[in-house]
Amino acid sequence: MKARVTVTLKTGVLDPQGQAIEGSLKGLGFSGVTSVRQGKVFDLAFDGSNEEEARASISEMCEKLLANTVIENYAIEILN
């Protein structure tokens, strides 16, 4: 089974890397960009076929390691 976890900063958390990317894009002539928020994507492959168990296991991974849940949100997508 395969899954994708997308981790993003919560609304209201400052994103200096996103601001730097936004400034660089404008410097390269992409003037239509009004905001950039950066994040992380994790693609996971693992044994098993029970989607409910997989979601529970991945959620635990996020809570313990993949995301800082104080300042980040995460979304889990099962890709099969």
PDB file of N, CA and C in Angstrom:
ATOM      1  N   MET A   1       0.851  -1.172   0.000  1.00  0.00           N
ATOM      2  CA  MET A   1       0.000   0.000   0.000  1.00  0.00           C
ATOM      3  C   MET A   1       0.900   1.238   0.000  1.00  0.00           C
ATOM      4  N   LYS A   2       0.408   2.289  -0.638  1.00  0.00           N
ATOM      5  CA  LYS A   2       1.140   3.548  -0.686  1.00  0.00           C
ATOM      6  C   LYS A   2       0.271   4.672  -0.141  1.00  0.00           C
ATOM      7  N   ALA A   3       0.937   5.650   0.437  1.00  0.00           N
ATOM      8  CA  ALA A   3       0.220   6.800   0.987  1.00  0.00           C
ATOM      9  C   ALA A   3       1.072   8.050   0.813  1.00  0.00           C
ATOM     10  N   ARG A   4       0.410   9.178   0.807  1.00  0.00           N
ATOM     11  CA  ARG A   4       1.082  10.476   0.741  1.00  0.00           C
ATOM     12  C   ARG A   4       0.602  11.319   1.918  1.00  0.00           C
ATOM     13  N   VAL A   5       1.564  11.896   2.637  1.00  0.00           N
ATOM     14  CA  VAL A   5       1.266  12.788   3.755  1.00  0.00           C
ATOM     15  C   VAL A   5       1.742  14.184   3.359  1.00  0.00           C
ATOM     16  N   THR A   6       0.856  15.148   3.448  1.00  0.00           N
ATOM     17  CA  THR A   6       1.200  16.538   3.165  1.00  0.00           C
ATOM     18  C   THR A   6       1.141  17.311   4.473  1.00  0.00           C
ATOM     19  N   VAL A   7       2.257  17.945   4.808  1.00  0.00           N
ATOM     20  CA  VAL A   7       2.367  18.709   6.049  1.00  0.00           C
ATOM     21  C   VAL A   7       2.484  20.188   5.697  1.00  0.00           C
ATOM     22  N   THR A   8       1.632  21.008   6.288  1.00  0.00           N
ATOM     23  CA  THR A   8       1.653  22.450   6.026  1.00  0.00           C
ATOM     24  C   THR A   8       1.585  23.210   7.344  1.00  0.00           C
ATOM     25  N   LEU A   9       2.072  24.432   7.319  1.00  0.00           N
ATOM     26  CA  LEU A   9       1.992  25.273   8.504  1.00  0.00           C
ATOM     27  C   LEU A   9       0.542  25.679   8.760  1.00  0.00           C
ATOM     28  N   LYS A  10       0.189  25.758  10.027  1.00  0.00           N
ATOM     29  CA  LYS A  10      -1.156  26.199  10.384  1.00  0.00           C
ATOM     30  C   LYS A  10      -1.329  27.675  10.016  1.00  0.00           C
ATOM     31  N   THR A  11      -2.566  28.061   9.772  1.00  0.00           N
ATOM     32  CA  THR A  11      -2.887  29.450   9.476  1.00  0.00           C
ATOM     33  C   THR A  11      -2.430  30.322  10.636  1.00  0.00           C
ATOM     34  N   GLY A  12      -1.788  31.416  10.307  1.00  0.00           N
ATOM     35  CA  GLY A  12      -1.325  32.341  11.326  1.00  0.00           C
ATOM     36  C   GLY A  12       0.116  32.133  11.758  1.00  0.00           C
ATOM     37  N   VAL A  13       0.710  30.992  11.390  1.00  0.00           N
ATOM     38  CA  VAL A  13       2.115  30.739  11.714  1.00  0.00           C
ATOM     39  C   VAL A  13       2.969  31.401  10.640  1.00  0.00           C
ATOM     40  N   LEU A  14       3.936  32.197  11.063  1.00  0.00           N
ATOM     41  CA  LEU A  14       4.816  32.871  10.109  1.00  0.00           C
ATOM     42  C   LEU A  14       5.586  31.862   9.279  1.00  0.00           C
ATOM     43  N   ASP A  15       5.783  32.176   8.008  1.00  0.00           N
ATOM     44  CA  ASP A  15       6.463  31.282   7.080  1.00  0.00           C
ATOM     45  C   ASP A  15       7.587  32.044   6.375  1.00  0.00           C
ATOM     46  N   PRO A  16       8.743  32.217   7.033  1.00  0.00           N
ATOM     47  CA  PRO A  16       9.823  32.987   6.421  1.00  0.00           C
ATOM     48  C   PRO A  16      10.357  32.346   5.141  1.00  0.00           C
ATOM     49  N   GLN A  17      10.353  31.016   5.064  1.00  0.00           N
ATOM     50  CA  GLN A  17      10.815  30.368   3.835  1.00  0.00           C
ATOM     51  C   GLN A  17       9.857  30.662   2.687  1.00  0.00           C
ATOM     52  N   GLY A  18       8.563  30.616   2.954  1.00  0.00           N
ATOM     53  CA  GLY A  18       7.577  30.950   1.934  1.00  0.00           C
ATOM     54  C   GLY A  18       7.726  32.393   1.469  1.00  0.00           C
ATOM     55  N   GLN A  19       8.005  33.300   2.415  1.00  0.00           N
ATOM     56  CA  GLN A  19       8.206  34.709   2.059  1.00  0.00           C
ATOM     57  C   GLN A  19       9.455  34.886   1.198  1.00  0.00           C
ATOM     58  N   ALA A  20      10.511  34.129   1.509  1.00  0.00           N
ATOM     59  CA  ALA A  20      11.741  34.204   0.704  1.00  0.00           C
ATOM     60  C   ALA A  20      11.494  33.688  -0.708  1.00  0.00           C
ATOM     61  N   ILE A  21      10.731  32.603  -0.820  1.00  0.00           N
ATOM     62  CA  ILE A  21      10.401  32.055  -2.135  1.00  0.00           C
ATOM     63  C   ILE A  21       9.565  33.061  -2.920  1.00  0.00           C
ATOM     64  N   GLU A  22       8.592  33.661  -2.254  1.00  0.00           N
ATOM     65  CA  GLU A  22       7.751  34.676  -2.910  1.00  0.00           C
ATOM     66  C   GLU A  22       8.609  35.814  -3.447  1.00  0.00           C
ATOM     67  N   GLY A  23       9.539  36.319  -2.637  1.00  0.00           N
ATOM     68  CA  GLY A  23      10.420  37.401  -3.073  1.00  0.00           C
ATOM     69  C   GLY A  23      11.288  36.989  -4.247  1.00  0.00           C
ATOM     70  N   SER A  24      11.791  35.769  -4.225  1.00  0.00           N
ATOM     71  CA  SER A  24      12.621  35.270  -5.324  1.00  0.00           C
ATOM     72  C   SER A  24      11.822  35.134  -6.616  1.00  0.00           C
ATOM     73  N   LEU A  25      10.589  34.642  -6.502  1.00  0.00           N
ATOM     74  CA  LEU A  25       9.738  34.523  -7.688  1.00  0.00           C
ATOM     75  C   LEU A  25       9.470  35.887  -8.302  1.00  0.00           C
ATOM     76  N   LYS A  26       9.195  36.870  -7.452  1.00  0.00           N
ATOM     77  CA  LYS A  26       8.977  38.230  -7.962  1.00  0.00           C
ATOM     78  C   LYS A  26      10.243  38.760  -8.621  1.00  0.00           C
ATOM     79  N   GLY A  27      11.406  38.460  -8.029  1.00  0.00           N
ATOM     80  CA  GLY A  27      12.682  38.875  -8.615  1.00  0.00           C
ATOM     81  C   GLY A  27      12.946  38.229  -9.955  1.00  0.00           C
ATOM     82  N   LEU A  28      12.373  37.058 -10.185  1.00  0.00           N
ATOM     83  CA  LEU A  28      12.521  36.365 -11.464  1.00  0.00           C
ATOM     84  C   LEU A  28      11.465  36.790 -12.481  1.00  0.00           C
ATOM     85  N   GLY A  29      10.623  37.736 -12.103  1.00  0.00           N
ATOM     86  CA  GLY A  29       9.634  38.264 -13.039  1.00  0.00           C
ATOM     87  C   GLY A  29       8.247  37.663 -12.923  1.00  0.00           C
ATOM     88  N   PHE A  30       8.002  36.805 -11.935  1.00  0.00           N
ATOM     89  CA  PHE A  30       6.676  36.222 -11.742  1.00  0.00           C
ATOM     90  C   PHE A  30       5.863  37.132 -10.826  1.00  0.00           C
ATOM     91  N   SER A  31       5.405  38.231 -11.367  1.00  0.00           N
ATOM     92  CA  SER A  31       4.757  39.270 -10.570  1.00  0.00           C
ATOM     93  C   SER A  31       3.342  38.909 -10.131  1.00  0.00           C
ATOM     94  N   GLY A  32       2.735  37.903 -10.704  1.00  0.00           N
ATOM     95  CA  GLY A  32       1.370  37.532 -10.352  1.00  0.00           C
ATOM     96  C   GLY A  32       1.256  36.747  -9.057  1.00  0.00           C
ATOM     97  N   VAL A  33       2.365  36.322  -8.488  1.00  0.00           N
ATOM     98  CA  VAL A  33       2.335  35.543  -7.251  1.00  0.00           C
ATOM     99  C   VAL A  33       2.100  36.487  -6.072  1.00  0.00           C
ATOM    100  N   THR A  34       1.041  36.247  -5.319  1.00  0.00           N
ATOM    101  CA  THR A  34       0.713  37.137  -4.199  1.00  0.00           C
ATOM    102  C   THR A  34       1.047  36.541  -2.843  1.00  0.00           C
ATOM    103  N   SER A  35       1.233  35.221  -2.780  1.00  0.00           N
ATOM    104  CA  SER A  35       1.546  34.586  -1.505  1.00  0.00           C
ATOM    105  C   SER A  35       2.114  33.194  -1.745  1.00  0.00           C
ATOM    106  N   VAL A  36       3.072  32.794  -0.915  1.00  0.00           N
ATOM    107  CA  VAL A  36       3.641  31.449  -0.983  1.00  0.00           C
ATOM    108  C   VAL A  36       3.699  30.888   0.430  1.00  0.00           C
ATOM    109  N   ARG A  37       3.202  29.664   0.605  1.00  0.00           N
ATOM    110  CA  ARG A  37       3.331  28.924   1.859  1.00  0.00           C
ATOM    111  C   ARG A  37       4.030  27.623   1.503  1.00  0.00           C
ATOM    112  N   GLN A  38       5.098  27.298   2.201  1.00  0.00           N
ATOM    113  CA  GLN A  38       5.822  26.076   1.900  1.00  0.00           C
ATOM    114  C   GLN A  38       5.385  24.961   2.833  1.00  0.00           C
ATOM    115  N   GLY A  39       5.659  23.725   2.437  1.00  0.00           N
ATOM    116  CA  GLY A  39       5.299  22.574   3.250  1.00  0.00           C
ATOM    117  C   GLY A  39       6.197  21.393   2.917  1.00  0.00           C
ATOM    118  N   LYS A  40       5.777  20.212   3.361  1.00  0.00           N
ATOM    119  CA  LYS A  40       6.533  18.988   3.138  1.00  0.00           C
ATOM    120  C   LYS A  40       5.582  17.916   2.621  1.00  0.00           C
ATOM    121  N   VAL A  41       6.120  17.022   1.784  1.00  0.00           N
ATOM    122  CA  VAL A  41       5.353  15.873   1.299  1.00  0.00           C
ATOM    123  C   VAL A  41       6.160  14.618   1.582  1.00  0.00           C
ATOM    124  N   PHE A  42       5.498  13.614   2.172  1.00  0.00           N
ATOM    125  CA  PHE A  42       6.115  12.320   2.432  1.00  0.00           C
ATOM    126  C   PHE A  42       5.348  11.260   1.660  1.00  0.00           C
ATOM    127  N   ASP A  43       6.036  10.490   0.820  1.00  0.00           N
ATOM    128  CA  ASP A  43       5.436   9.352   0.132  1.00  0.00           C
ATOM    129  C   ASP A  43       5.883   8.096   0.863  1.00  0.00           C
ATOM    130  N   LEU A  44       4.926   7.324   1.339  1.00  0.00           N
ATOM    131  CA  LEU A  44       5.205   6.138   2.132  1.00  0.00           C
ATOM    132  C   LEU A  44       4.739   4.889   1.396  1.00  0.00           C
ATOM    133  N   ALA A  45       5.527   3.829   1.466  1.00  0.00           N
ATOM    134  CA  ALA A  45       5.135   2.511   0.956  1.00  0.00           C
ATOM    135  C   ALA A  45       5.299   1.539   2.115  1.00  0.00           C
ATOM    136  N   PHE A  46       4.291   0.679   2.343  1.00  0.00           N
ATOM    137  CA  PHE A  46       4.366  -0.233   3.469  1.00  0.00           C
ATOM    138  C   PHE A  46       3.484  -1.443   3.222  1.00  0.00           C
ATOM    139  N   ASP A  47       3.731  -2.494   4.014  1.00  0.00           N
ATOM    140  CA  ASP A  47       2.969  -3.727   3.901  1.00  0.00           C
ATOM    141  C   ASP A  47       1.567  -3.537   4.466  1.00  0.00           C
ATOM    142  N   GLY A  48       0.650  -4.323   3.953  1.00  0.00           N
ATOM    143  CA  GLY A  48      -0.714  -4.301   4.456  1.00  0.00           C
ATOM    144  C   GLY A  48      -1.685  -3.767   3.428  1.00  0.00           C
ATOM    145  N   SER A  49      -2.954  -4.085   3.638  1.00  0.00           N
ATOM    146  CA  SER A  49      -3.981  -3.630   2.705  1.00  0.00           C
ATOM    147  C   SER A  49      -5.207  -3.068   3.415  1.00  0.00           C
ATOM    148  N   ASN A  50      -5.181  -2.993   4.737  1.00  0.00           N
ATOM    149  CA  ASN A  50      -6.310  -2.465   5.485  1.00  0.00           C
ATOM    150  C   ASN A  50      -6.162  -0.949   5.594  1.00  0.00           C
ATOM    151  N   GLU A  51      -7.012  -0.228   4.879  1.00  0.00           N
ATOM    152  CA  GLU A  51      -6.903   1.229   4.827  1.00  0.00           C
ATOM    153  C   GLU A  51      -7.106   1.882   6.192  1.00  0.00           C
ATOM    154  N   GLU A  52      -8.027   1.376   6.983  1.00  0.00           N
ATOM    155  CA  GLU A  52      -8.291   1.952   8.309  1.00  0.00           C
ATOM    156  C   GLU A  52      -7.066   1.816   9.213  1.00  0.00           C
ATOM    157  N   GLU A  53      -6.442   0.640   9.210  1.00  0.00           N
ATOM    158  CA  GLU A  53      -5.231   0.427  10.013  1.00  0.00           C
ATOM    159  C   GLU A  53      -4.087   1.302   9.505  1.00  0.00           C
ATOM    160  N   ALA A  54      -3.990   1.423   8.178  1.00  0.00           N
ATOM    161  CA  ALA A  54      -2.937   2.251   7.582  1.00  0.00           C
ATOM    162  C   ALA A  54      -3.091   3.700   8.015  1.00  0.00           C
ATOM    163  N   ARG A  55      -4.300   4.231   7.940  1.00  0.00           N
ATOM    164  CA  ARG A  55      -4.534   5.623   8.356  1.00  0.00           C
ATOM    165  C   ARG A  55      -4.172   5.834   9.824  1.00  0.00           C
ATOM    166  N   ALA A  56      -4.539   4.879  10.665  1.00  0.00           N
ATOM    167  CA  ALA A  56      -4.234   4.992  12.093  1.00  0.00           C
ATOM    168  C   ALA A  56      -2.726   4.980  12.314  1.00  0.00           C
ATOM    169  N   SER A  57      -2.027   4.103  11.626  1.00  0.00           N
ATOM    170  CA  SER A  57      -0.576   4.009  11.763  1.00  0.00           C
ATOM    171  C   SER A  57       0.111   5.275  11.248  1.00  0.00           C
ATOM    172  N   ILE A  58      -0.333   5.767  10.106  1.00  0.00           N
ATOM    173  CA  ILE A  58       0.260   6.978   9.527  1.00  0.00           C
ATOM    174  C   ILE A  58      -0.022   8.184  10.415  1.00  0.00           C
ATOM    175  N   SER A  59      -1.216   8.254  10.964  1.00  0.00           N
ATOM    176  CA  SER A  59      -1.551   9.354  11.868  1.00  0.00           C
ATOM    177  C   SER A  59      -0.617   9.341  13.072  1.00  0.00           C
ATOM    178  N   GLU A  60      -0.336   8.166  13.599  1.00  0.00           N
ATOM    179  CA  GLU A  60       0.594   8.049  14.726  1.00  0.00           C
ATOM    180  C   GLU A  60       2.005   8.502  14.312  1.00  0.00           C
ATOM    181  N   MET A  61       2.419   8.134  13.087  1.00  0.00           N
ATOM    182  CA  MET A  61       3.725   8.579  12.568  1.00  0.00           C
ATOM    183  C   MET A  61       3.790  10.104  12.519  1.00  0.00           C
ATOM    184  N   CYS A  62       2.697  10.711  12.065  1.00  0.00           N
ATOM    185  CA  CYS A  62       2.650  12.173  11.964  1.00  0.00           C
ATOM    186  C   CYS A  62       2.726  12.813  13.341  1.00  0.00           C
ATOM    187  N   GLU A  63       1.972  12.278  14.275  1.00  0.00           N
ATOM    188  CA  GLU A  63       1.931  12.840  15.623  1.00  0.00           C
ATOM    189  C   GLU A  63       3.283  12.716  16.325  1.00  0.00           C
ATOM    190  N   LYS A  64       4.031  11.642  16.028  1.00  0.00           N
ATOM    191  CA  LYS A  64       5.294  11.387  16.721  1.00  0.00           C
ATOM    192  C   LYS A  64       6.520  11.936  16.015  1.00  0.00           C
ATOM    193  N   LEU A  65       6.468  12.060  14.656  1.00  0.00           N
ATOM    194  CA  LEU A  65       7.690  12.419  13.946  1.00  0.00           C
ATOM    195  C   LEU A  65       7.500  13.341  12.745  1.00  0.00           C
ATOM    196  N   LEU A  66       6.578  13.026  11.875  1.00  0.00           N
ATOM    197  CA  LEU A  66       6.522  13.709  10.582  1.00  0.00           C
ATOM    198  C   LEU A  66       6.038  15.153  10.651  1.00  0.00           C
ATOM    199  N   ALA A  67       5.219  15.470  11.643  1.00  0.00           N
ATOM    200  CA  ALA A  67       4.677  16.831  11.749  1.00  0.00           C
ATOM    201  C   ALA A  67       4.864  17.353  13.173  1.00  0.00           C
ATOM    202  N   ASN A  68       5.124  18.648  13.256  1.00  0.00           N
ATOM    203  CA  ASN A  68       5.119  19.332  14.553  1.00  0.00           C
ATOM    204  C   ASN A  68       3.703  19.858  14.725  1.00  0.00           C
ATOM    205  N   THR A  69       2.870  19.096  15.421  1.00  0.00           N
ATOM    206  CA  THR A  69       1.440  19.408  15.458  1.00  0.00           C
ATOM    207  C   THR A  69       1.103  20.688  16.220  1.00  0.00           C
ATOM    208  N   VAL A  70       2.080  21.291  16.861  1.00  0.00           N
ATOM    209  CA  VAL A  70       1.850  22.584  17.501  1.00  0.00           C
ATOM    210  C   VAL A  70       1.686  23.666  16.435  1.00  0.00           C
ATOM    211  N   ILE A  71       2.476  23.579  15.361  1.00  0.00           N
ATOM    212  CA  ILE A  71       2.451  24.613  14.322  1.00  0.00           C
ATOM    213  C   ILE A  71       2.097  24.089  12.931  1.00  0.00           C
ATOM    214  N   GLU A  72       1.918  22.761  12.796  1.00  0.00           N
ATOM    215  CA  GLU A  72       1.666  22.189  11.466  1.00  0.00           C
ATOM    216  C   GLU A  72       0.410  21.323  11.463  1.00  0.00           C
ATOM    217  N   ASN A  73      -0.256  21.310  10.309  1.00  0.00           N
ATOM    218  CA  ASN A  73      -1.352  20.395  10.019  1.00  0.00           C
ATOM    219  C   ASN A  73      -0.831  19.318   9.090  1.00  0.00           C
ATOM    220  N   TYR A  74      -1.517  18.187   9.049  1.00  0.00           N
ATOM    221  CA  TYR A  74      -1.145  17.155   8.078  1.00  0.00           C
ATOM    222  C   TYR A  74      -2.405  16.550   7.470  1.00  0.00           C
ATOM    223  N   ALA A  75      -2.245  16.075   6.234  1.00  0.00           N
ATOM    224  CA  ALA A  75      -3.330  15.407   5.524  1.00  0.00           C
ATOM    225  C   ALA A  75      -2.793  14.094   4.986  1.00  0.00           C
ATOM    226  N   ILE A  76      -3.574  13.037   5.135  1.00  0.00           N
ATOM    227  CA  ILE A  76      -3.178  11.709   4.693  1.00  0.00           C
ATOM    228  C   ILE A  76      -4.022  11.317   3.484  1.00  0.00           C
ATOM    229  N   GLU A  77      -3.343  10.845   2.447  1.00  0.00           N
ATOM    230  CA  GLU A  77      -4.020  10.368   1.233  1.00  0.00           C
ATOM    231  C   GLU A  77      -3.540   8.958   0.949  1.00  0.00           C
ATOM    232  N   ILE A  78      -4.451   7.982   0.943  1.00  0.00           N
ATOM    233  CA  ILE A  78      -4.097   6.620   0.606  1.00  0.00           C
ATOM    234  C   ILE A  78      -4.118   6.503  -0.917  1.00  0.00           C
ATOM    235  N   LEU A  79      -3.002   6.034  -1.489  1.00  0.00           N
ATOM    236  CA  LEU A  79      -2.864   6.000  -2.939  1.00  0.00           C
ATOM    237  C   LEU A  79      -3.150   4.618  -3.525  1.00  0.00           C
ATOM    238  N   ASN A  80      -3.044   3.562  -2.712  1.00  0.00           N
ATOM    239  CA  ASN A  80      -3.207   2.174  -3.149  1.00  0.00           C
ATOM    240  C   ASN A  80      -2.317   1.890  -4.257  1.00  0.00           C
TER     241      ASN A  80
END
